[in-house]
């Protein structure tokens, strides 16, 4: 029995399941201040006999296992959560192994093992919603260096007809600043769900997403690209992405995935809204096996 926490800036999803990705029980709660939120999380998990817990958190977070602040939420603007010792708190309260990474990394793991990228060596999971983030699995392992990737903050070329300054508080017109849900609302004056009939909105959005995907393809060349998040619920976006990615690549990569089978290469999450929480079970299982191997818990 494994526990999972998909911690978002708006809501927490907590679930109990097994290492094969099966969800046994699930609950959601609004993201309030840390003490209030975590107390409810602990109360939920104490109903079950768990062997380990995995956390996929909104970020930025410290995922360097050798860092003194490993498992801490770092530079978030979310009130009360800045420098919160997320991993330490859960581990002390539950006294079991705890795995920790970002929410998009967890979703990438879930889709890699059980979803759209199953049986592939690499994939990229991108979430486009309140923010934009991405997790990459390369040769079966999460990609990280000094920190986790922050692919939502790359710079892309502004469309000549787009005068919107950008929503990102750090960079203004980075990818997130131009194409996130809040950017859509600020530019067009309505939420994405209320703009579904306006083709101009989605062609521009598809243009920006395609630029970012082209950069990711050139840098990482993943075997599958998976697009999730609230904005991607607008299915009319995909045809524009399929139109613009080959144009931007301009036949530089002569792969069928970027031409005749692009709709099989750039896809929605097969696990749907459960990609992240199933990925946290993977993090939990990895943490359990790591501690068993070190002799810290009985096998």
C-alpha atoms as a PDB file:
ATOM      1  CA  UNK A   1       0.000   0.000   0.000  1.00  0.00           C
ATOM      2  CA  UNK A   2       1.473   3.317  -1.127  1.00  0.00           C
ATOM      3  CA  UNK A   3       0.332   6.878  -0.532  1.00  0.00           C
ATOM      4  CA  UNK A   4       0.593   9.732  -2.973  1.00  0.00           C
ATOM      5  CA  UNK A   5       0.330  13.515  -2.705  1.00  0.00           C
ATOM      6  CA  UNK A   6      -0.112  15.652  -5.803  1.00  0.00           C
ATOM      7  CA  UNK A   7       0.326  19.110  -4.325  1.00  0.00           C
ATOM      8  CA  UNK A   8      -0.906  21.970  -6.467  1.00  0.00           C
ATOM      9  CA  UNK A   9      -1.171  25.648  -5.788  1.00  0.00           C
ATOM     10  CA  UNK A  10      -4.968  25.404  -5.892  1.00  0.00           C
ATOM     11  CA  UNK A  11      -5.677  21.914  -4.551  1.00  0.00           C
ATOM     12  CA  UNK A  12      -4.061  18.833  -3.050  1.00  0.00           C
ATOM     13  CA  UNK A  13      -4.909  15.375  -4.377  1.00  0.00           C
ATOM     14  CA  UNK A  14      -4.146  12.545  -1.963  1.00  0.00           C
ATOM     15  CA  UNK A  15      -4.552   8.890  -2.840  1.00  0.00           C
ATOM     16  CA  UNK A  16      -3.703   5.374  -1.754  1.00  0.00           C
ATOM     17  CA  UNK A  17      -2.758   2.712  -4.265  1.00  0.00           C
ATOM     18  CA  UNK A  18      -0.315   0.060  -5.346  1.00  0.00           C
ATOM     19  CA  UNK A  19       2.959  -0.071  -7.248  1.00  0.00           C
ATOM     20  CA  UNK A  20       1.198  -1.119 -10.451  1.00  0.00           C
ATOM     21  CA  UNK A  21      -0.605   2.243 -10.587  1.00  0.00           C
ATOM     22  CA  UNK A  22      -3.954   1.073  -9.207  1.00  0.00           C
ATOM     23  CA  UNK A  23      -5.788   3.752  -7.204  1.00  0.00           C
ATOM     24  CA  UNK A  24      -7.628   2.307  -4.195  1.00  0.00           C
ATOM     25  CA  UNK A  25      -8.835   5.527  -2.573  1.00  0.00           C
ATOM     26  CA  UNK A  26      -8.609   9.216  -3.383  1.00  0.00           C
ATOM     27  CA  UNK A  27      -9.541  12.579  -1.905  1.00  0.00           C
ATOM     28  CA  UNK A  28      -9.040  16.262  -2.762  1.00  0.00           C
ATOM     29  CA  UNK A  29      -8.825  19.373  -0.616  1.00  0.00           C
ATOM     30  CA  UNK A  30      -8.143  23.055  -1.285  1.00  0.00           C
ATOM     31  CA  UNK A  31      -4.576  24.269  -0.807  1.00  0.00           C
ATOM     32  CA  UNK A  32      -4.775  26.473   2.288  1.00  0.00           C
ATOM     33  CA  UNK A  33      -1.962  27.488   4.636  1.00  0.00           C
ATOM     34  CA  UNK A  34       0.585  24.715   5.247  1.00  0.00           C
ATOM     35  CA  UNK A  35      -0.364  23.725   8.794  1.00  0.00           C
ATOM     36  CA  UNK A  36      -4.068  23.451   7.966  1.00  0.00           C
ATOM     37  CA  UNK A  37      -3.496  21.595   4.705  1.00  0.00           C
ATOM     38  CA  UNK A  38      -0.896  19.130   5.962  1.00  0.00           C
ATOM     39  CA  UNK A  39      -2.931  18.305   9.082  1.00  0.00           C
ATOM     40  CA  UNK A  40      -5.781  17.114   6.843  1.00  0.00           C
ATOM     41  CA  UNK A  41      -3.355  15.188   4.647  1.00  0.00           C
ATOM     42  CA  UNK A  42      -1.907  13.351   7.663  1.00  0.00           C
ATOM     43  CA  UNK A  43      -5.376  12.581   9.022  1.00  0.00           C
ATOM     44  CA  UNK A  44      -6.293  11.041   5.687  1.00  0.00           C
ATOM     45  CA  UNK A  45      -3.204   8.839   5.414  1.00  0.00           C
ATOM     46  CA  UNK A  46      -3.440   7.598   8.998  1.00  0.00           C
ATOM     47  CA  UNK A  47      -6.573   5.683   8.002  1.00  0.00           C
ATOM     48  CA  UNK A  48      -4.368   3.291   6.018  1.00  0.00           C
ATOM     49  CA  UNK A  49      -1.413   1.021   6.657  1.00  0.00           C
ATOM     50  CA  UNK A  50       1.136   2.495   4.245  1.00  0.00           C
ATOM     51  CA  UNK A  51       4.658   1.413   3.392  1.00  0.00           C
ATOM     52  CA  UNK A  52       5.745   4.656   1.730  1.00  0.00           C
ATOM     53  CA  UNK A  53       4.463   7.979   0.384  1.00  0.00           C
ATOM     54  CA  UNK A  54       5.380   9.899  -2.757  1.00  0.00           C
ATOM     55  CA  UNK A  55       5.054  13.668  -3.121  1.00  0.00           C
ATOM     56  CA  UNK A  56       4.762  15.548  -6.400  1.00  0.00           C
ATOM     57  CA  UNK A  57       4.765  19.216  -5.447  1.00  0.00           C
ATOM     58  CA  UNK A  58       4.192  22.563  -7.083  1.00  0.00           C
ATOM     59  CA  UNK A  59       7.441  24.460  -7.222  1.00  0.00           C
ATOM     60  CA  UNK A  60      10.061  25.534  -7.438  1.00  0.00           C
ATOM     61  CA  UNK A  61      11.333  22.919  -4.994  1.00  0.00           C
ATOM     62  CA  UNK A  62      14.714  21.648  -3.870  1.00  0.00           C
ATOM     63  CA  UNK A  63      15.159  18.101  -5.241  1.00  0.00           C
ATOM     64  CA  UNK A  64      18.913  17.793  -4.601  1.00  0.00           C
ATOM     65  CA  UNK A  65      19.176  14.893  -2.149  1.00  0.00           C
ATOM     66  CA  UNK A  66      22.531  16.239  -0.912  1.00  0.00           C
ATOM     67  CA  UNK A  67      21.135  19.686  -0.122  1.00  0.00           C
ATOM     68  CA  UNK A  68      20.373  20.810   3.432  1.00  0.00           C
ATOM     69  CA  UNK A  69      17.006  22.042   2.173  1.00  0.00           C
ATOM     70  CA  UNK A  70      16.116  18.937   0.143  1.00  0.00           C
ATOM     71  CA  UNK A  71      12.348  18.503   0.000  1.00  0.00           C
ATOM     72  CA  UNK A  72      11.628  22.183   0.620  1.00  0.00           C
ATOM     73  CA  UNK A  73       9.391  24.404  -1.483  1.00  0.00           C
ATOM     74  CA  UNK A  74      11.608  27.343  -2.390  1.00  0.00           C
ATOM     75  CA  UNK A  75      10.666  30.505  -4.305  1.00  0.00           C
ATOM     76  CA  UNK A  76       6.908  30.086  -4.613  1.00  0.00           C
ATOM     77  CA  UNK A  77       4.671  33.179  -4.346  1.00  0.00           C
ATOM     78  CA  UNK A  78       2.043  30.967  -2.654  1.00  0.00           C
ATOM     79  CA  UNK A  79       1.423  32.552   0.799  1.00  0.00           C
ATOM     80  CA  UNK A  80       2.897  30.535   3.658  1.00  0.00           C
ATOM     81  CA  UNK A  81       4.567  27.893   1.508  1.00  0.00           C
ATOM     82  CA  UNK A  82       7.847  29.621   0.738  1.00  0.00           C
ATOM     83  CA  UNK A  83      10.697  27.581   2.327  1.00  0.00           C
ATOM     84  CA  UNK A  84       8.191  25.073   3.716  1.00  0.00           C
ATOM     85  CA  UNK A  85       9.932  21.765   4.668  1.00  0.00           C
ATOM     86  CA  UNK A  86       7.405  19.572   2.877  1.00  0.00           C
ATOM     87  CA  UNK A  87       9.341  16.299   2.774  1.00  0.00           C
ATOM     88  CA  UNK A  88      10.657  16.574   6.336  1.00  0.00           C
ATOM     89  CA  UNK A  89       7.196  17.276   7.743  1.00  0.00           C
ATOM     90  CA  UNK A  90       5.508  14.316   6.048  1.00  0.00           C
ATOM     91  CA  UNK A  91       8.362  11.953   6.910  1.00  0.00           C
ATOM     92  CA  UNK A  92       8.376  12.943  10.594  1.00  0.00           C
ATOM     93  CA  UNK A  93       4.597  12.641  10.884  1.00  0.00           C
ATOM     94  CA  UNK A  94       4.268   9.293   9.089  1.00  0.00           C
ATOM     95  CA  UNK A  95       7.662   7.711   9.907  1.00  0.00           C
ATOM     96  CA  UNK A  96       7.872   5.834   6.600  1.00  0.00           C
ATOM     97  CA  UNK A  97       9.962   6.349   3.432  1.00  0.00           C
ATOM     98  CA  UNK A  98       8.917   9.384   1.389  1.00  0.00           C
ATOM     99  CA  UNK A  99       9.801  10.132  -2.235  1.00  0.00           C
ATOM    100  CA  UNK A 100       9.822  13.726  -3.419  1.00  0.00           C
ATOM    101  CA  UNK A 101       9.810  15.542  -6.743  1.00  0.00           C
ATOM    102  CA  UNK A 102       7.786  18.075  -8.719  1.00  0.00           C
ATOM    103  CA  UNK A 103       4.182  17.535  -9.770  1.00  0.00           C
ATOM    104  CA  UNK A 104       5.116  17.483 -13.472  1.00  0.00           C
ATOM    105  CA  UNK A 105       7.966  15.051 -12.829  1.00  0.00           C
ATOM    106  CA  UNK A 106       5.469  12.763 -11.104  1.00  0.00           C
ATOM    107  CA  UNK A 107       3.108  13.003 -14.083  1.00  0.00           C
ATOM    108  CA  UNK A 108       5.990  12.248 -16.453  1.00  0.00           C
ATOM    109  CA  UNK A 109       6.813   9.119 -14.428  1.00  0.00           C
ATOM    110  CA  UNK A 110       3.189   8.019 -14.405  1.00  0.00           C
ATOM    111  CA  UNK A 111       2.812   8.395 -18.164  1.00  0.00           C
ATOM    112  CA  UNK A 112       6.206   6.775 -18.759  1.00  0.00           C
ATOM    113  CA  UNK A 113       5.408   3.604 -16.829  1.00  0.00           C
ATOM    114  CA  UNK A 114       1.649   3.257 -17.232  1.00  0.00           C
ATOM    115  CA  UNK A 115       0.441   5.758 -19.810  1.00  0.00           C
ATOM    116  CA  UNK A 116       1.107   7.186 -23.250  1.00  0.00           C
ATOM    117  CA  UNK A 117       4.876   6.549 -23.107  1.00  0.00           C
ATOM    118  CA  UNK A 118       4.751   3.018 -21.687  1.00  0.00           C
ATOM    119  CA  UNK A 119       7.567   0.823 -23.084  1.00  0.00           C
ATOM    120  CA  UNK A 120       9.475   3.868 -24.385  1.00  0.00           C
ATOM    121  CA  UNK A 121      12.851   5.057 -23.065  1.00  0.00           C
ATOM    122  CA  UNK A 122      11.986   8.751 -23.045  1.00  0.00           C
ATOM    123  CA  UNK A 123       9.106  11.164 -22.903  1.00  0.00           C
ATOM    124  CA  UNK A 124       8.280  14.738 -22.046  1.00  0.00           C
ATOM    125  CA  UNK A 125       5.195  15.671 -20.039  1.00  0.00           C
ATOM    126  CA  UNK A 126       4.136  19.321 -20.274  1.00  0.00           C
ATOM    127  CA  UNK A 127       1.325  20.834 -18.230  1.00  0.00           C
ATOM    128  CA  UNK A 128      -0.281  24.042 -19.491  1.00  0.00           C
ATOM    129  CA  UNK A 129      -2.677  25.543 -17.003  1.00  0.00           C
ATOM    130  CA  UNK A 130      -2.327  28.062 -14.185  1.00  0.00           C
ATOM    131  CA  UNK A 131       1.380  27.769 -14.885  1.00  0.00           C
ATOM    132  CA  UNK A 132       3.479  25.879 -17.400  1.00  0.00           C
ATOM    133  CA  UNK A 133       5.924  23.191 -16.396  1.00  0.00           C
ATOM    134  CA  UNK A 134       7.485  20.044 -17.798  1.00  0.00           C
ATOM    135  CA  UNK A 135       9.072  16.838 -16.626  1.00  0.00           C
ATOM    136  CA  UNK A 136      11.378  14.711 -18.761  1.00  0.00           C
ATOM    137  CA  UNK A 137      12.118  10.992 -18.505  1.00  0.00           C
ATOM    138  CA  UNK A 138      15.326  10.041 -20.317  1.00  0.00           C
ATOM    139  CA  UNK A 139      16.491   6.406 -20.433  1.00  0.00           C
ATOM    140  CA  UNK A 140      13.875   5.621 -17.802  1.00  0.00           C
ATOM    141  CA  UNK A 141      15.066   8.263 -15.314  1.00  0.00           C
ATOM    142  CA  UNK A 142      13.887  11.753 -14.454  1.00  0.00           C
ATOM    143  CA  UNK A 143      16.061  14.482 -15.905  1.00  0.00           C
ATOM    144  CA  UNK A 144      17.587  16.841 -13.370  1.00  0.00           C
ATOM    145  CA  UNK A 145      20.805  18.753 -12.907  1.00  0.00           C
ATOM    146  CA  UNK A 146      21.320  21.649 -10.533  1.00  0.00           C
ATOM    147  CA  UNK A 147      17.561  21.476 -10.093  1.00  0.00           C
ATOM    148  CA  UNK A 148      14.466  20.220 -11.877  1.00  0.00           C
ATOM    149  CA  UNK A 149      13.880  21.665 -15.354  1.00  0.00           C
ATOM    150  CA  UNK A 150      11.811  24.866 -15.569  1.00  0.00           C
ATOM    151  CA  UNK A 151      10.741  24.557 -19.191  1.00  0.00           C
ATOM    152  CA  UNK A 152       7.804  26.882 -18.772  1.00  0.00           C
ATOM    153  CA  UNK A 153      10.162  29.847 -18.547  1.00  0.00           C
ATOM    154  CA  UNK A 154      11.988  29.523 -21.842  1.00  0.00           C
ATOM    155  CA  UNK A 155      11.778  32.486 -24.206  1.00  0.00           C
ATOM    156  CA  UNK A 156       9.806  32.112 -27.419  1.00  0.00           C
ATOM    157  CA  UNK A 157       9.285  34.517 -30.303  1.00  0.00           C
ATOM    158  CA  UNK A 158       6.339  36.821 -29.889  1.00  0.00           C
ATOM    159  CA  UNK A 159       3.745  36.683 -32.663  1.00  0.00           C
ATOM    160  CA  UNK A 160       3.959  39.905 -34.748  1.00  0.00           C
ATOM    161  CA  UNK A 161       0.297  40.695 -34.019  1.00  0.00           C
ATOM    162  CA  UNK A 162       0.453  40.008 -30.275  1.00  0.00           C
ATOM    163  CA  UNK A 163       0.844  43.150 -28.172  1.00  0.00           C
ATOM    164  CA  UNK A 164       0.190  41.520 -24.779  1.00  0.00           C
ATOM    165  CA  UNK A 165       3.161  42.206 -22.474  1.00  0.00           C
ATOM    166  CA  UNK A 166       3.130  38.836 -20.723  1.00  0.00           C
ATOM    167  CA  UNK A 167       1.919  37.542 -17.363  1.00  0.00           C
ATOM    168  CA  UNK A 168       5.062  36.033 -15.802  1.00  0.00           C
ATOM    169  CA  UNK A 169       6.129  38.088 -12.740  1.00  0.00           C
ATOM    170  CA  UNK A 170       9.771  37.159 -13.396  1.00  0.00           C
ATOM    171  CA  UNK A 171      10.140  37.299 -17.183  1.00  0.00           C
ATOM    172  CA  UNK A 172       6.950  38.893 -18.587  1.00  0.00           C
ATOM    173  CA  UNK A 173       6.858  37.270 -22.048  1.00  0.00           C
ATOM    174  CA  UNK A 174       8.413  33.844 -21.505  1.00  0.00           C
ATOM    175  CA  UNK A 175       6.417  30.749 -22.547  1.00  0.00           C
ATOM    176  CA  UNK A 176       4.389  30.764 -19.315  1.00  0.00           C
ATOM    177  CA  UNK A 177       3.935  34.506 -19.535  1.00  0.00           C
ATOM    178  CA  UNK A 178       2.421  34.269 -23.015  1.00  0.00           C
ATOM    179  CA  UNK A 179       0.572  30.954 -23.012  1.00  0.00           C
ATOM    180  CA  UNK A 180      -0.571  29.988 -19.478  1.00  0.00           C
ATOM    181  CA  UNK A 181      -4.216  30.085 -18.461  1.00  0.00           C
ATOM    182  CA  UNK A 182      -3.847  33.427 -16.639  1.00  0.00           C
ATOM    183  CA  UNK A 183      -2.082  34.870 -19.701  1.00  0.00           C
ATOM    184  CA  UNK A 184      -4.981  33.783 -21.908  1.00  0.00           C
ATOM    185  CA  UNK A 185      -7.471  35.407 -19.557  1.00  0.00           C
ATOM    186  CA  UNK A 186      -5.481  38.633 -19.261  1.00  0.00           C
ATOM    187  CA  UNK A 187      -4.962  38.931 -23.029  1.00  0.00           C
ATOM    188  CA  UNK A 188      -8.517  38.097 -24.117  1.00  0.00           C
ATOM    189  CA  UNK A 189     -10.575  39.198 -21.110  1.00  0.00           C
ATOM    190  CA  UNK A 190     -12.175  35.785 -20.456  1.00  0.00           C
ATOM    191  CA  UNK A 191     -11.182  32.408 -19.075  1.00  0.00           C
ATOM    192  CA  UNK A 192     -10.085  29.752 -21.548  1.00  0.00           C
ATOM    193  CA  UNK A 193     -13.310  27.795 -21.128  1.00  0.00           C
ATOM    194  CA  UNK A 194     -15.313  30.839 -22.234  1.00  0.00           C
ATOM    195  CA  UNK A 195     -13.173  31.358 -25.353  1.00  0.00           C
ATOM    196  CA  UNK A 196     -13.549  27.916 -26.898  1.00  0.00           C
ATOM    197  CA  UNK A 197     -15.451  29.274 -29.919  1.00  0.00           C
ATOM    198  CA  UNK A 198     -12.871  31.963 -30.799  1.00  0.00           C
ATOM    199  CA  UNK A 199     -10.466  30.401 -33.318  1.00  0.00           C
ATOM    200  CA  UNK A 200      -8.050  33.325 -33.129  1.00  0.00           C
ATOM    201  CA  UNK A 201      -7.370  32.539 -29.475  1.00  0.00           C
ATOM    202  CA  UNK A 202      -6.400  28.928 -30.121  1.00  0.00           C
ATOM    203  CA  UNK A 203      -4.362  29.525 -33.246  1.00  0.00           C
ATOM    204  CA  UNK A 204      -2.179  31.991 -31.315  1.00  0.00           C
ATOM    205  CA  UNK A 205      -1.969  29.591 -28.371  1.00  0.00           C
ATOM    206  CA  UNK A 206      -1.053  26.721 -30.689  1.00  0.00           C
ATOM    207  CA  UNK A 207       1.626  28.879 -32.292  1.00  0.00           C
ATOM    208  CA  UNK A 208       3.277  29.545 -28.932  1.00  0.00           C
ATOM    209  CA  UNK A 209       3.013  25.955 -27.731  1.00  0.00           C
ATOM    210  CA  UNK A 210       4.464  24.683 -31.025  1.00  0.00           C
ATOM    211  CA  UNK A 211       7.477  26.986 -30.655  1.00  0.00           C
ATOM    212  CA  UNK A 212       8.199  25.599 -27.207  1.00  0.00           C
ATOM    213  CA  UNK A 213       7.746  21.998 -28.349  1.00  0.00           C
ATOM    214  CA  UNK A 214      10.143  22.572 -31.243  1.00  0.00           C
ATOM    215  CA  UNK A 215      12.812  23.743 -28.784  1.00  0.00           C
ATOM    216  CA  UNK A 216      12.240  20.735 -26.540  1.00  0.00           C
ATOM    217  CA  UNK A 217      12.468  18.413 -29.550  1.00  0.00           C
ATOM    218  CA  UNK A 218      15.760  19.973 -30.645  1.00  0.00           C
ATOM    219  CA  UNK A 219      17.263  19.734 -27.168  1.00  0.00           C
ATOM    220  CA  UNK A 220      15.893  16.428 -25.846  1.00  0.00           C
ATOM    221  CA  UNK A 221      14.426  14.573 -28.859  1.00  0.00           C
ATOM    222  CA  UNK A 222      11.943  12.659 -26.671  1.00  0.00           C
ATOM    223  CA  UNK A 223      10.145   9.635 -28.068  1.00  0.00           C
ATOM    224  CA  UNK A 224       6.749  10.961 -26.941  1.00  0.00           C
ATOM    225  CA  UNK A 225       5.400  14.400 -26.018  1.00  0.00           C
ATOM    226  CA  UNK A 226       2.409  14.494 -23.692  1.00  0.00           C
ATOM    227  CA  UNK A 227       0.402  17.681 -23.163  1.00  0.00           C
ATOM    228  CA  UNK A 228      -1.780  18.000 -20.053  1.00  0.00           C
ATOM    229  CA  UNK A 229      -3.214  20.735 -17.875  1.00  0.00           C
ATOM    230  CA  UNK A 230      -6.420  22.738 -17.971  1.00  0.00           C
ATOM    231  CA  UNK A 231      -5.658  24.714 -21.122  1.00  0.00           C
ATOM    232  CA  UNK A 232      -5.117  21.481 -23.064  1.00  0.00           C
ATOM    233  CA  UNK A 233      -8.710  20.472 -22.326  1.00  0.00           C
ATOM    234  CA  UNK A 234      -9.443  22.660 -25.355  1.00  0.00           C
ATOM    235  CA  UNK A 235      -9.126  19.896 -27.934  1.00  0.00           C
ATOM    236  CA  UNK A 236      -9.201  22.395 -30.815  1.00  0.00           C
ATOM    237  CA  UNK A 237      -5.633  23.320 -29.808  1.00  0.00           C
ATOM    238  CA  UNK A 238      -4.060  20.122 -31.093  1.00  0.00           C
ATOM    239  CA  UNK A 239      -4.683  20.732 -34.834  1.00  0.00           C
ATOM    240  CA  UNK A 240      -2.934  24.105 -34.579  1.00  0.00           C
ATOM    241  CA  UNK A 241       0.010  22.503 -32.762  1.00  0.00           C
ATOM    242  CA  UNK A 242       0.186  19.790 -35.425  1.00  0.00           C
ATOM    243  CA  UNK A 243       0.161  22.508 -38.081  1.00  0.00           C
ATOM    244  CA  UNK A 244       2.851  24.737 -36.578  1.00  0.00           C
ATOM    245  CA  UNK A 245       5.411  22.242 -35.225  1.00  0.00           C
ATOM    246  CA  UNK A 246       6.410  20.928 -38.701  1.00  0.00           C
ATOM    247  CA  UNK A 247       6.487  24.478 -40.062  1.00  0.00           C
ATOM    248  CA  UNK A 248       8.834  25.612 -37.314  1.00  0.00           C
ATOM    249  CA  UNK A 249      11.039  22.515 -37.640  1.00  0.00           C
ATOM    250  CA  UNK A 250      11.111  23.078 -41.433  1.00  0.00           C
ATOM    251  CA  UNK A 251      12.139  19.472 -42.184  1.00  0.00           C
ATOM    252  CA  UNK A 252      15.287  19.794 -40.040  1.00  0.00           C
ATOM    253  CA  UNK A 253      14.438  16.466 -38.378  1.00  0.00           C
ATOM    254  CA  UNK A 254      13.232  14.072 -41.063  1.00  0.00           C
ATOM    255  CA  UNK A 255      11.221  11.808 -38.761  1.00  0.00           C
ATOM    256  CA  UNK A 256       7.723  10.514 -39.444  1.00  0.00           C
ATOM    257  CA  UNK A 257       6.777  11.510 -35.890  1.00  0.00           C
ATOM    258  CA  UNK A 258       6.989  15.142 -36.997  1.00  0.00           C
ATOM    259  CA  UNK A 259       4.996  14.657 -40.186  1.00  0.00           C
ATOM    260  CA  UNK A 260       2.555  11.877 -41.003  1.00  0.00           C
ATOM    261  CA  UNK A 261       2.194  10.532 -37.424  1.00  0.00           C
ATOM    262  CA  UNK A 262       2.492  13.742 -35.441  1.00  0.00           C
ATOM    263  CA  UNK A 263      -0.925  13.101 -33.863  1.00  0.00           C
ATOM    264  CA  UNK A 264       0.561   9.945 -32.321  1.00  0.00           C
ATOM    265  CA  UNK A 265       3.729  11.734 -31.196  1.00  0.00           C
ATOM    266  CA  UNK A 266       2.172  14.774 -29.498  1.00  0.00           C
ATOM    267  CA  UNK A 267      -0.716  13.453 -27.434  1.00  0.00           C
ATOM    268  CA  UNK A 268      -2.959  13.908 -24.407  1.00  0.00           C
ATOM    269  CA  UNK A 269      -2.162  12.019 -21.172  1.00  0.00           C
ATOM    270  CA  UNK A 270      -3.438   8.461 -21.396  1.00  0.00           C
ATOM    271  CA  UNK A 271      -3.895   8.492 -17.611  1.00  0.00           C
ATOM    272  CA  UNK A 272      -5.919  11.704 -17.802  1.00  0.00           C
ATOM    273  CA  UNK A 273      -6.175  13.598 -14.526  1.00  0.00           C
ATOM    274  CA  UNK A 274      -4.585  10.651 -12.692  1.00  0.00           C
ATOM    275  CA  UNK A 275      -1.151  10.957 -14.335  1.00  0.00           C
ATOM    276  CA  UNK A 276       0.336  12.937 -11.453  1.00  0.00           C
ATOM    277  CA  UNK A 277      -1.105  10.931  -8.594  1.00  0.00           C
ATOM    278  CA  UNK A 278      -0.125   7.611 -10.196  1.00  0.00           C
ATOM    279  CA  UNK A 279       3.350   9.054 -10.647  1.00  0.00           C
ATOM    280  CA  UNK A 280       3.531   9.749  -6.909  1.00  0.00           C
ATOM    281  CA  UNK A 281       3.034   6.019  -6.301  1.00  0.00           C
ATOM    282  CA  UNK A 282       6.143   5.485  -8.417  1.00  0.00           C
ATOM    283  CA  UNK A 283       8.047   8.001  -6.273  1.00  0.00           C
ATOM    284  CA  UNK A 284       6.823   6.216  -3.140  1.00  0.00           C
ATOM    285  CA  UNK A 285       7.882   2.811  -4.477  1.00  0.00           C
ATOM    286  CA  UNK A 286      11.317   4.167  -5.437  1.00  0.00           C
ATOM    287  CA  UNK A 287      11.777   5.625  -1.940  1.00  0.00           C
ATOM    288  CA  UNK A 288      10.744   2.348  -0.324  1.00  0.00           C
ATOM    289  CA  UNK A 289      13.129   0.281  -2.451  1.00  0.00           C
ATOM    290  CA  UNK A 290      15.975   2.737  -1.835  1.00  0.00           C
ATOM    291  CA  UNK A 291      15.580   2.455   1.937  1.00  0.00           C
ATOM    292  CA  UNK A 292      15.230  -1.336   1.743  1.00  0.00           C
ATOM    293  CA  UNK A 293      18.476  -1.465  -0.228  1.00  0.00           C
ATOM    294  CA  UNK A 294      20.210   0.674   2.380  1.00  0.00           C
ATOM    295  CA  UNK A 295      18.940  -1.550   5.191  1.00  0.00           C
ATOM    296  CA  UNK A 296      16.961   1.228   6.852  1.00  0.00           C
ATOM    297  CA  UNK A 297      13.606  -0.571   6.600  1.00  0.00           C
ATOM    298  CA  UNK A 298      12.795  -4.277   6.611  1.00  0.00           C
ATOM    299  CA  UNK A 299      12.420  -5.812   3.137  1.00  0.00           C
END
